[in-house]
Amino acid sequence: MKLPVDRVFRDERVRYVLKLHCEDCALWDDTRDACAHGYPTDEHRAPRDAESDQRVVFCKDFEVA
């Protein structure tokens, strides 16, 4: 699912400490820097600058760690 990111979403992401990137997922393998299930991660990785994030792409297999 792909959603545009606006100021409201950015504020709520901070206020509610939303977890939505690969690095927040229980299936993320730090040693390999990859998804344990082998899914592509380019659109799901945490941006270096949260303000530059124009859309959020939710992974179908995300599990909060």
C-alpha atoms as a PDB file:
ATOM      1  CA  MET A   1       0.000   0.000   0.000  1.00  0.00           C
ATOM      2  CA  LYS A   2       1.395   3.393  -1.002  1.00  0.00           C
ATOM      3  CA  LEU A   3       0.217   6.576   0.719  1.00  0.00           C
ATOM      4  CA  PRO A   4       1.276  10.196   0.272  1.00  0.00           C
ATOM      5  CA  VAL A   5       3.018  11.789   3.224  1.00  0.00           C
ATOM      6  CA  ASP A   6       1.724  15.157   4.395  1.00  0.00           C
ATOM      7  CA  ARG A   7       2.343  17.332   7.444  1.00  0.00           C
ATOM      8  CA  VAL A   8      -0.431  15.586   9.432  1.00  0.00           C
ATOM      9  CA  PHE A   9       1.113  12.169   8.807  1.00  0.00           C
ATOM     10  CA  ARG A  10       4.588  13.451   9.743  1.00  0.00           C
ATOM     11  CA  ASP A  11       3.215  14.895  12.992  1.00  0.00           C
ATOM     12  CA  GLU A  12       1.355  11.672  13.829  1.00  0.00           C
ATOM     13  CA  ARG A  13       4.424   9.569  13.029  1.00  0.00           C
ATOM     14  CA  VAL A  14       6.299  11.506  15.722  1.00  0.00           C
ATOM     15  CA  ARG A  15       3.409  11.773  18.208  1.00  0.00           C
ATOM     16  CA  TYR A  16       2.468   8.079  18.088  1.00  0.00           C
ATOM     17  CA  VAL A  17       6.000   6.768  17.426  1.00  0.00           C
ATOM     18  CA  LEU A  18       4.785   4.923  14.332  1.00  0.00           C
ATOM     19  CA  LYS A  19       7.009   2.097  13.099  1.00  0.00           C
ATOM     20  CA  LEU A  20       6.854   1.480   9.365  1.00  0.00           C
ATOM     21  CA  HIS A  21      10.303   0.909   7.896  1.00  0.00           C
ATOM     22  CA  CYS A  22      12.300  -2.277   7.367  1.00  0.00           C
ATOM     23  CA  GLU A  23      14.612  -1.395  10.231  1.00  0.00           C
ATOM     24  CA  ASP A  24      11.576  -1.470  12.575  1.00  0.00           C
ATOM     25  CA  CYS A  25      10.405  -4.911  11.409  1.00  0.00           C
ATOM     26  CA  ALA A  26      10.933  -8.183  13.278  1.00  0.00           C
ATOM     27  CA  LEU A  27      11.913  -9.781   9.959  1.00  0.00           C
ATOM     28  CA  TRP A  28      14.806  -7.367   9.359  1.00  0.00           C
ATOM     29  CA  ASP A  29      18.196  -9.108   9.409  1.00  0.00           C
ATOM     30  CA  ASP A  30      20.815  -6.604  10.600  1.00  0.00           C
ATOM     31  CA  THR A  31      23.731  -8.895   9.813  1.00  0.00           C
ATOM     32  CA  ARG A  32      22.741  -9.169   6.140  1.00  0.00           C
ATOM     33  CA  ASP A  33      21.147  -5.704   5.942  1.00  0.00           C
ATOM     34  CA  ALA A  34      18.184  -7.376   4.237  1.00  0.00           C
ATOM     35  CA  CYS A  35      14.707  -8.788   4.752  1.00  0.00           C
ATOM     36  CA  ALA A  36      14.750 -12.304   6.225  1.00  0.00           C
ATOM     37  CA  HIS A  37      12.102 -13.307   3.676  1.00  0.00           C
ATOM     38  CA  GLY A  38      14.091 -11.882   0.784  1.00  0.00           C
ATOM     39  CA  TYR A  39      11.590  -9.171  -0.116  1.00  0.00           C
ATOM     40  CA  PRO A  40      12.918  -6.102  -1.948  1.00  0.00           C
ATOM     41  CA  THR A  41      13.443  -3.255   0.514  1.00  0.00           C
ATOM     42  CA  ASP A  42      14.253  -0.175  -1.564  1.00  0.00           C
ATOM     43  CA  GLU A  43      10.859   1.485  -1.009  1.00  0.00           C
ATOM     44  CA  HIS A  44      10.566   0.461   2.638  1.00  0.00           C
ATOM     45  CA  ARG A  45      13.883   1.538   4.143  1.00  0.00           C
ATOM     46  CA  ALA A  46      14.066   4.443   6.587  1.00  0.00           C
ATOM     47  CA  PRO A  47      14.923   7.698   4.813  1.00  0.00           C
ATOM     48  CA  ARG A  48      18.029   9.563   5.896  1.00  0.00           C
ATOM     49  CA  ASP A  49      15.952  12.724   6.178  1.00  0.00           C
ATOM     50  CA  ALA A  50      12.346  12.182   7.324  1.00  0.00           C
ATOM     51  CA  GLU A  51      11.293  15.496   5.760  1.00  0.00           C
ATOM     52  CA  SER A  52      12.307  14.234   2.311  1.00  0.00           C
ATOM     53  CA  ASP A  53       9.972  11.230   2.570  1.00  0.00           C
ATOM     54  CA  GLN A  54       7.220  12.003   0.015  1.00  0.00           C
ATOM     55  CA  ARG A  55       5.257   8.777   0.407  1.00  0.00           C
ATOM     56  CA  VAL A  56       5.150   5.781   2.668  1.00  0.00           C
ATOM     57  CA  VAL A  57       5.048   2.264   1.250  1.00  0.00           C
ATOM     58  CA  PHE A  58       3.775  -0.393   3.634  1.00  0.00           C
ATOM     59  CA  CYS A  59       5.182  -3.906   3.319  1.00  0.00           C
ATOM     60  CA  LYS A  60       2.669  -6.749   3.166  1.00  0.00           C
ATOM     61  CA  ASP A  61       4.696  -8.798   5.669  1.00  0.00           C
ATOM     62  CA  PHE A  62       5.658  -6.107   8.229  1.00  0.00           C
ATOM     63  CA  GLU A  63       5.830  -7.307  11.853  1.00  0.00           C
ATOM     64  CA  VAL A  64       6.571  -4.766  14.582  1.00  0.00           C
ATOM     65  CA  ALA A  65       9.756  -5.721  16.399  1.00  0.00           C
END
